[in-house]
PDB file of N, CA and C in Angstrom:
ATOM      1  N   MET A   1      31.616  10.628 -51.911  1.00  0.00           N
ATOM      2  CA  MET A   1      31.000  10.628 -50.599  1.00  0.00           C
ATOM      3  C   MET A   1      29.486  10.692 -50.771  1.00  0.00           C
ATOM      4  N   SER A   2      28.813   9.978 -49.938  1.00  0.00           N
ATOM      5  CA  SER A   2      27.357   9.986 -49.956  1.00  0.00           C
ATOM      6  C   SER A   2      26.841  10.735 -48.729  1.00  0.00           C
ATOM      7  N   ALA A   3      25.935  11.651 -48.959  1.00  0.00           N
ATOM      8  CA  ALA A   3      25.363  12.409 -47.847  1.00  0.00           C
ATOM      9  C   ALA A   3      23.851  12.377 -47.959  1.00  0.00           C
ATOM     10  N   GLN A   4      23.208  11.987 -46.891  1.00  0.00           N
ATOM     11  CA  GLN A   4      21.754  11.959 -46.847  1.00  0.00           C
ATOM     12  C   GLN A   4      21.219  13.006 -45.877  1.00  0.00           C
ATOM     13  N   LEU A   5      22.018  13.998 -45.597  1.00  0.00           N
ATOM     14  CA  LEU A   5      21.590  15.032 -44.652  1.00  0.00           C
ATOM     15  C   LEU A   5      20.528  15.925 -45.278  1.00  0.00           C
ATOM     16  N   PRO A   6      19.540  16.316 -44.495  1.00  0.00           N
ATOM     17  CA  PRO A   6      18.562  17.286 -45.018  1.00  0.00           C
ATOM     18  C   PRO A   6      19.211  18.663 -45.153  1.00  0.00           C
ATOM     19  N   MET A   7      18.527  19.546 -45.816  1.00  0.00           N
ATOM     20  CA  MET A   7      19.012  20.921 -45.951  1.00  0.00           C
ATOM     21  C   MET A   7      19.143  21.540 -44.560  1.00  0.00           C
ATOM     22  N   GLY A   8      20.129  22.406 -44.417  1.00  0.00           N
ATOM     23  CA  GLY A   8      20.293  23.127 -43.161  1.00  0.00           C
ATOM     24  C   GLY A   8      19.267  24.239 -43.038  1.00  0.00           C
ATOM     25  N   VAL A   9      19.126  24.770 -41.857  1.00  0.00           N
ATOM     26  CA  VAL A   9      18.200  25.875 -41.601  1.00  0.00           C
ATOM     27  C   VAL A   9      18.846  27.169 -42.081  1.00  0.00           C
ATOM     28  N   ARG A  10      18.134  27.929 -42.884  1.00  0.00           N
ATOM     29  CA  ARG A  10      18.652  29.222 -43.329  1.00  0.00           C
ATOM     30  C   ARG A  10      18.757  30.156 -42.134  1.00  0.00           C
ATOM     31  N   GLY A  11      19.859  30.856 -42.059  1.00  0.00           N
ATOM     32  CA  GLY A  11      20.030  31.820 -40.983  1.00  0.00           C
ATOM     33  C   GLY A  11      20.326  31.191 -39.634  1.00  0.00           C
ATOM     34  N   PHE A  12      20.831  29.944 -39.613  1.00  0.00           N
ATOM     35  CA  PHE A  12      21.165  29.308 -38.335  1.00  0.00           C
ATOM     36  C   PHE A  12      22.150  30.199 -37.597  1.00  0.00           C
ATOM     37  N   THR A  13      21.874  30.452 -36.336  1.00  0.00           N
ATOM     38  CA  THR A  13      22.741  31.316 -35.547  1.00  0.00           C
ATOM     39  C   THR A  13      22.762  30.837 -34.097  1.00  0.00           C
ATOM     40  N   GLY A  14      23.780  31.245 -33.394  1.00  0.00           N
ATOM     41  CA  GLY A  14      23.888  30.877 -31.990  1.00  0.00           C
ATOM     42  C   GLY A  14      24.387  29.455 -31.809  1.00  0.00           C
ATOM     43  N   ARG A  15      24.194  28.961 -30.619  1.00  0.00           N
ATOM     44  CA  ARG A  15      24.571  27.595 -30.249  1.00  0.00           C
ATOM     45  C   ARG A  15      26.080  27.354 -30.323  1.00  0.00           C
ATOM     46  N   GLN A  16      26.882  28.422 -30.177  1.00  0.00           N
ATOM     47  CA  GLN A  16      28.336  28.279 -30.247  1.00  0.00           C
ATOM     48  C   GLN A  16      28.857  27.298 -29.197  1.00  0.00           C
ATOM     49  N   GLU A  17      28.306  27.361 -27.995  1.00  0.00           N
ATOM     50  CA  GLU A  17      28.764  26.470 -26.917  1.00  0.00           C
ATOM     51  C   GLU A  17      28.483  25.017 -27.268  1.00  0.00           C
ATOM     52  N   GLU A  18      27.296  24.737 -27.773  1.00  0.00           N
ATOM     53  CA  GLU A  18      26.928  23.370 -28.120  1.00  0.00           C
ATOM     54  C   GLU A  18      27.751  22.866 -29.306  1.00  0.00           C
ATOM     55  N   LEU A  19      27.963  23.728 -30.311  1.00  0.00           N
ATOM     56  CA  LEU A  19      28.770  23.338 -31.465  1.00  0.00           C
ATOM     57  C   LEU A  19      30.211  23.053 -31.053  1.00  0.00           C
ATOM     58  N   ALA A  20      30.750  23.870 -30.167  1.00  0.00           N
ATOM     59  CA  ALA A  20      32.117  23.656 -29.676  1.00  0.00           C
ATOM     60  C   ALA A  20      32.205  22.336 -28.912  1.00  0.00           C
ATOM     61  N   TYR A  21      31.181  22.022 -28.147  1.00  0.00           N
ATOM     62  CA  TYR A  21      31.176  20.762 -27.401  1.00  0.00           C
ATOM     63  C   TYR A  21      31.176  19.570 -28.364  1.00  0.00           C
ATOM     64  N   LEU A  22      30.348  19.630 -29.400  1.00  0.00           N
ATOM     65  CA  LEU A  22      30.319  18.539 -30.377  1.00  0.00           C
ATOM     66  C   LEU A  22      31.666  18.407 -31.083  1.00  0.00           C
ATOM     67  N   ASP A  23      32.304  19.519 -31.398  1.00  0.00           N
ATOM     68  CA  ASP A  23      33.644  19.474 -32.001  1.00  0.00           C
ATOM     69  C   ASP A  23      34.634  18.813 -31.053  1.00  0.00           C
ATOM     70  N   LYS A  24      34.525  19.123 -29.765  1.00  0.00           N
ATOM     71  CA  LYS A  24      35.423  18.546 -28.759  1.00  0.00           C
ATOM     72  C   LYS A  24      35.217  17.031 -28.646  1.00  0.00           C
ATOM     73  N   VAL A  25      33.966  16.606 -28.667  1.00  0.00           N
ATOM     74  CA  VAL A  25      33.676  15.167 -28.607  1.00  0.00           C
ATOM     75  C   VAL A  25      34.278  14.461 -29.818  1.00  0.00           C
ATOM     76  N   LEU A  26      34.117  15.050 -30.984  1.00  0.00           N
ATOM     77  CA  LEU A  26      34.677  14.461 -32.199  1.00  0.00           C
ATOM     78  C   LEU A  26      36.200  14.395 -32.119  1.00  0.00           C
ATOM     79  N   ALA A  27      36.827  15.461 -31.675  1.00  0.00           N
ATOM     80  CA  ALA A  27      38.285  15.488 -31.572  1.00  0.00           C
ATOM     81  C   ALA A  27      38.795  14.458 -30.579  1.00  0.00           C
ATOM     82  N   SER A  28      38.093  14.272 -29.469  1.00  0.00           N
ATOM     83  CA  SER A  28      38.539  13.293 -28.468  1.00  0.00           C
ATOM     84  C   SER A  28      38.389  11.872 -28.984  1.00  0.00           C
ATOM     85  N   ALA A  29      37.454  11.629 -29.886  1.00  0.00           N
ATOM     86  CA  ALA A  29      37.289  10.293 -30.456  1.00  0.00           C
ATOM     87  C   ALA A  29      38.500   9.927 -31.305  1.00  0.00           C
ATOM     88  N   ALA A  30      39.122  10.914 -31.937  1.00  0.00           N
ATOM     89  CA  ALA A  30      40.293  10.663 -32.768  1.00  0.00           C
ATOM     90  C   ALA A  30      41.470  10.167 -31.934  1.00  0.00           C
ATOM     91  N   ASP A  31      41.479  10.475 -30.639  1.00  0.00           N
ATOM     92  CA  ASP A  31      42.553  10.045 -29.748  1.00  0.00           C
ATOM     93  C   ASP A  31      42.380   8.609 -29.284  1.00  0.00           C
ATOM     94  N   GLN A  32      41.234   8.000 -29.600  1.00  0.00           N
ATOM     95  CA  GLN A  32      40.934   6.662 -29.095  1.00  0.00           C
ATOM     96  C   GLN A  32      40.462   5.722 -30.205  1.00  0.00           C
ATOM     97  N   PRO A  33      41.202   5.636 -31.324  1.00  0.00           N
ATOM     98  CA  PRO A  33      40.724   4.761 -32.392  1.00  0.00           C
ATOM     99  C   PRO A  33      40.695   3.325 -31.907  1.00  0.00           C
ATOM    100  N   PRO A  34      39.828   2.496 -32.315  1.00  0.00           N
ATOM    101  CA  PRO A  34      38.679   2.746 -33.169  1.00  0.00           C
ATOM    102  C   PRO A  34      37.412   3.015 -32.356  1.00  0.00           C
ATOM    103  N   ALA A  35      37.428   4.025 -31.565  1.00  0.00           N
ATOM    104  CA  ALA A  35      36.287   4.361 -30.721  1.00  0.00           C
ATOM    105  C   ALA A  35      35.063   4.730 -31.556  1.00  0.00           C
ATOM    106  N   VAL A  36      33.924   4.317 -31.086  1.00  0.00           N
ATOM    107  CA  VAL A  36      32.658   4.719 -31.686  1.00  0.00           C
ATOM    108  C   VAL A  36      32.010   5.683 -30.703  1.00  0.00           C
ATOM    109  N   VAL A  37      31.781   6.889 -31.158  1.00  0.00           N
ATOM    110  CA  VAL A  37      31.199   7.902 -30.286  1.00  0.00           C
ATOM    111  C   VAL A  37      29.760   8.129 -30.697  1.00  0.00           C
ATOM    112  N   ILE A  38      28.883   7.989 -29.747  1.00  0.00           N
ATOM    113  CA  ILE A  38      27.475   8.251 -29.983  1.00  0.00           C
ATOM    114  C   ILE A  38      27.090   9.418 -29.089  1.00  0.00           C
ATOM    115  N   SER A  39      26.521  10.432 -29.685  1.00  0.00           N
ATOM    116  CA  SER A  39      26.114  11.604 -28.924  1.00  0.00           C
ATOM    117  C   SER A  39      24.626  11.815 -29.102  1.00  0.00           C
ATOM    118  N   ALA A  40      23.992  12.341 -28.088  1.00  0.00           N
ATOM    119  CA  ALA A  40      22.560  12.628 -28.149  1.00  0.00           C
ATOM    120  C   ALA A  40      22.336  14.111 -27.887  1.00  0.00           C
ATOM    121  N   VAL A  41      21.395  14.668 -28.611  1.00  0.00           N
ATOM    122  CA  VAL A  41      20.975  16.047 -28.395  1.00  0.00           C
ATOM    123  C   VAL A  41      19.563  15.951 -27.840  1.00  0.00           C
ATOM    124  N   SER A  42      19.362  16.475 -26.653  1.00  0.00           N
ATOM    125  CA  SER A  42      18.051  16.331 -26.025  1.00  0.00           C
ATOM    126  C   SER A  42      17.460  17.690 -25.689  1.00  0.00           C
ATOM    127  N   GLY A  43      16.164  17.703 -25.536  1.00  0.00           N
ATOM    128  CA  GLY A  43      15.458  18.924 -25.190  1.00  0.00           C
ATOM    129  C   GLY A  43      14.004  18.798 -25.579  1.00  0.00           C
ATOM    130  N   THR A  44      13.229  19.764 -25.183  1.00  0.00           N
ATOM    131  CA  THR A  44      11.803  19.739 -25.469  1.00  0.00           C
ATOM    132  C   THR A  44      11.546  20.019 -26.953  1.00  0.00           C
ATOM    133  N   ALA A  45      10.352  19.733 -27.393  1.00  0.00           N
ATOM    134  CA  ALA A  45       9.986  19.919 -28.801  1.00  0.00           C
ATOM    135  C   ALA A  45      10.122  21.373 -29.225  1.00  0.00           C
ATOM    136  N   GLY A  46      10.671  21.585 -30.404  1.00  0.00           N
ATOM    137  CA  GLY A  46      10.712  22.918 -30.985  1.00  0.00           C
ATOM    138  C   GLY A  46      11.872  23.809 -30.581  1.00  0.00           C
ATOM    139  N   VAL A  47      12.873  23.273 -29.868  1.00  0.00           N
ATOM    140  CA  VAL A  47      13.978  24.124 -29.427  1.00  0.00           C
ATOM    141  C   VAL A  47      15.155  24.136 -30.396  1.00  0.00           C
ATOM    142  N   GLY A  48      15.074  23.359 -31.471  1.00  0.00           N
ATOM    143  CA  GLY A  48      16.122  23.390 -32.491  1.00  0.00           C
ATOM    144  C   GLY A  48      17.125  22.262 -32.428  1.00  0.00           C
ATOM    145  N   LYS A  49      16.737  21.136 -31.852  1.00  0.00           N
ATOM    146  CA  LYS A  49      17.668  20.005 -31.758  1.00  0.00           C
ATOM    147  C   LYS A  49      18.091  19.517 -33.136  1.00  0.00           C
ATOM    148  N   THR A  50      17.139  19.328 -34.018  1.00  0.00           N
ATOM    149  CA  THR A  50      17.461  18.845 -35.358  1.00  0.00           C
ATOM    150  C   THR A  50      18.272  19.876 -36.114  1.00  0.00           C
ATOM    151  N   ALA A  51      17.920  21.146 -36.008  1.00  0.00           N
ATOM    152  CA  ALA A  51      18.685  22.200 -36.691  1.00  0.00           C
ATOM    153  C   ALA A  51      20.139  22.195 -36.227  1.00  0.00           C
ATOM    154  N   LEU A  52      20.354  22.045 -34.923  1.00  0.00           N
ATOM    155  CA  LEU A  52      21.709  21.992 -34.378  1.00  0.00           C
ATOM    156  C   LEU A  52      22.449  20.777 -34.921  1.00  0.00           C
ATOM    157  N   ALA A  53      21.834  19.618 -34.862  1.00  0.00           N
ATOM    158  CA  ALA A  53      22.492  18.387 -35.307  1.00  0.00           C
ATOM    159  C   ALA A  53      22.828  18.437 -36.793  1.00  0.00           C
ATOM    160  N   VAL A  54      21.905  18.906 -37.607  1.00  0.00           N
ATOM    161  CA  VAL A  54      22.155  18.981 -39.050  1.00  0.00           C
ATOM    162  C   VAL A  54      23.227  20.023 -39.353  1.00  0.00           C
ATOM    163  N   HIS A  55      23.158  21.163 -38.689  1.00  0.00           N
ATOM    164  CA  HIS A  55      24.171  22.212 -38.903  1.00  0.00           C
ATOM    165  C   HIS A  55      25.558  21.679 -38.565  1.00  0.00           C
ATOM    166  N   TRP A  56      25.687  21.043 -37.425  1.00  0.00           N
ATOM    167  CA  TRP A  56      26.997  20.520 -37.027  1.00  0.00           C
ATOM    168  C   TRP A  56      27.449  19.418 -37.978  1.00  0.00           C
ATOM    169  N   ALA A  57      26.548  18.530 -38.352  1.00  0.00           N
ATOM    170  CA  ALA A  57      26.914  17.439 -39.258  1.00  0.00           C
ATOM    171  C   ALA A  57      27.448  17.985 -40.577  1.00  0.00           C
ATOM    172  N   ARG A  58      26.841  19.056 -41.063  1.00  0.00           N
ATOM    173  CA  ARG A  58      27.313  19.652 -42.315  1.00  0.00           C
ATOM    174  C   ARG A  58      28.701  20.267 -42.139  1.00  0.00           C
ATOM    175  N   THR A  59      28.988  20.863 -40.976  1.00  0.00           N
ATOM    176  CA  THR A  59      30.308  21.464 -40.765  1.00  0.00           C
ATOM    177  C   THR A  59      31.369  20.404 -40.502  1.00  0.00           C
ATOM    178  N   ALA A  60      30.964  19.226 -40.038  1.00  0.00           N
ATOM    179  CA  ALA A  60      31.908  18.159 -39.698  1.00  0.00           C
ATOM    180  C   ALA A  60      32.009  17.093 -40.798  1.00  0.00           C
ATOM    181  N   GLN A  61      31.461  17.356 -41.980  1.00  0.00           N
ATOM    182  CA  GLN A  61      31.464  16.362 -43.056  1.00  0.00           C
ATOM    183  C   GLN A  61      32.852  15.815 -43.356  1.00  0.00           C
ATOM    184  N   GLY A  62      33.868  16.654 -43.292  1.00  0.00           N
ATOM    185  CA  GLY A  62      35.224  16.208 -43.609  1.00  0.00           C
ATOM    186  C   GLY A  62      35.730  15.102 -42.712  1.00  0.00           C
ATOM    187  N   ALA A  63      35.197  15.010 -41.516  1.00  0.00           N
ATOM    188  CA  ALA A  63      35.619  13.969 -40.581  1.00  0.00           C
ATOM    189  C   ALA A  63      34.968  12.619 -40.877  1.00  0.00           C
ATOM    190  N   PHE A  64      34.038  12.607 -41.819  1.00  0.00           N
ATOM    191  CA  PHE A  64      33.305  11.389 -42.154  1.00  0.00           C
ATOM    192  C   PHE A  64      33.377  11.142 -43.656  1.00  0.00           C
ATOM    193  N   PRO A  65      34.571  10.762 -44.164  1.00  0.00           N
ATOM    194  CA  PRO A  65      34.752  10.621 -45.607  1.00  0.00           C
ATOM    195  C   PRO A  65      33.905   9.513 -46.236  1.00  0.00           C
ATOM    196  N   GLU A  66      33.429   8.595 -45.436  1.00  0.00           N
ATOM    197  CA  GLU A  66      32.603   7.509 -45.962  1.00  0.00           C
ATOM    198  C   GLU A  66      31.170   7.963 -46.216  1.00  0.00           C
ATOM    199  N   GLY A  67      30.800   9.127 -45.698  1.00  0.00           N
ATOM    200  CA  GLY A  67      29.460   9.641 -45.905  1.00  0.00           C
ATOM    201  C   GLY A  67      28.705   9.822 -44.603  1.00  0.00           C
ATOM    202  N   GLN A  68      27.473  10.284 -44.716  1.00  0.00           N
ATOM    203  CA  GLN A  68      26.613  10.489 -43.554  1.00  0.00           C
ATOM    204  C   GLN A  68      25.243   9.900 -43.853  1.00  0.00           C
ATOM    205  N   LEU A  69      24.607   9.439 -42.813  1.00  0.00           N
ATOM    206  CA  LEU A  69      23.262   8.889 -42.929  1.00  0.00           C
ATOM    207  C   LEU A  69      22.354   9.647 -41.983  1.00  0.00           C
ATOM    208  N   TYR A  70      21.242  10.118 -42.484  1.00  0.00           N
ATOM    209  CA  TYR A  70      20.266  10.842 -41.666  1.00  0.00           C
ATOM    210  C   TYR A  70      19.051   9.952 -41.471  1.00  0.00           C
ATOM    211  N   VAL A  71      18.632   9.791 -40.243  1.00  0.00           N
ATOM    212  CA  VAL A  71      17.445   9.004 -39.928  1.00  0.00           C
ATOM    213  C   VAL A  71      16.492   9.895 -39.146  1.00  0.00           C
ATOM    214  N   ASN A  72      15.305  10.110 -39.671  1.00  0.00           N
ATOM    215  CA  ASN A  72      14.300  10.903 -38.978  1.00  0.00           C
ATOM    216  C   ASN A  72      13.537   9.966 -38.049  1.00  0.00           C
ATOM    217  N   LEU A  73      13.784  10.084 -36.762  1.00  0.00           N
ATOM    218  CA  LEU A  73      13.129   9.214 -35.781  1.00  0.00           C
ATOM    219  C   LEU A  73      11.750   9.718 -35.387  1.00  0.00           C
ATOM    220  N   ARG A  74      11.368  10.878 -35.887  1.00  0.00           N
ATOM    221  CA  ARG A  74      10.051  11.463 -35.631  1.00  0.00           C
ATOM    222  C   ARG A  74       9.702  11.444 -34.142  1.00  0.00           C
ATOM    223  N   GLY A  75      10.607  11.934 -33.336  1.00  0.00           N
ATOM    224  CA  GLY A  75      10.344  11.978 -31.904  1.00  0.00           C
ATOM    225  C   GLY A  75       9.136  12.826 -31.555  1.00  0.00           C
ATOM    226  N   PHE A  76       8.882  13.840 -32.371  1.00  0.00           N
ATOM    227  CA  PHE A  76       7.685  14.663 -32.173  1.00  0.00           C
ATOM    228  C   PHE A  76       7.156  15.030 -33.545  1.00  0.00           C
ATOM    229  N   ALA A  77       6.115  14.369 -33.924  1.00  0.00           N
ATOM    230  CA  ALA A  77       5.480  14.650 -35.219  1.00  0.00           C
ATOM    231  C   ALA A  77       3.981  14.479 -35.041  1.00  0.00           C
ATOM    232  N   PRO A  78       3.243  15.576 -35.045  1.00  0.00           N
ATOM    233  CA  PRO A  78       1.806  15.455 -34.857  1.00  0.00           C
ATOM    234  C   PRO A  78       1.190  14.485 -35.858  1.00  0.00           C
ATOM    235  N   GLY A  79       0.411  13.568 -35.355  1.00  0.00           N
ATOM    236  CA  GLY A  79      -0.278  12.625 -36.207  1.00  0.00           C
ATOM    237  C   GLY A  79       0.564  11.446 -36.657  1.00  0.00           C
ATOM    238  N   ALA A  80       1.794  11.338 -36.197  1.00  0.00           N
ATOM    239  CA  ALA A  80       2.661  10.210 -36.577  1.00  0.00           C
ATOM    240  C   ALA A  80       3.303   9.635 -35.328  1.00  0.00           C
ATOM    241  N   ARG A  81       3.524   8.353 -35.366  1.00  0.00           N
ATOM    242  CA  ARG A  81       4.164   7.695 -34.225  1.00  0.00           C
ATOM    243  C   ARG A  81       5.677   7.787 -34.360  1.00  0.00           C
ATOM    244  N   PRO A  82       6.378   7.944 -33.247  1.00  0.00           N
ATOM    245  CA  PRO A  82       7.857   7.954 -33.302  1.00  0.00           C
ATOM    246  C   PRO A  82       8.395   6.603 -33.765  1.00  0.00           C
TER     247      PRO A  82
END
């Protein structure tokens, strides 16, 4: 398996509701093969969107045996364009 995920945040905590929702979305996709599920995590800068997405992706690795691809879209990066 190939994984391009960045390191997770040390001490990640909370977000149980959001993690459960992402698990539910993944589980519902299994009921509709070959469904492609695209999910978005939105919010203002600095609230932990990337930490949440990376944390969940690491816990859900088993559901993606072909691997994972991480793309940094730089939605908010001082001095860099998205």
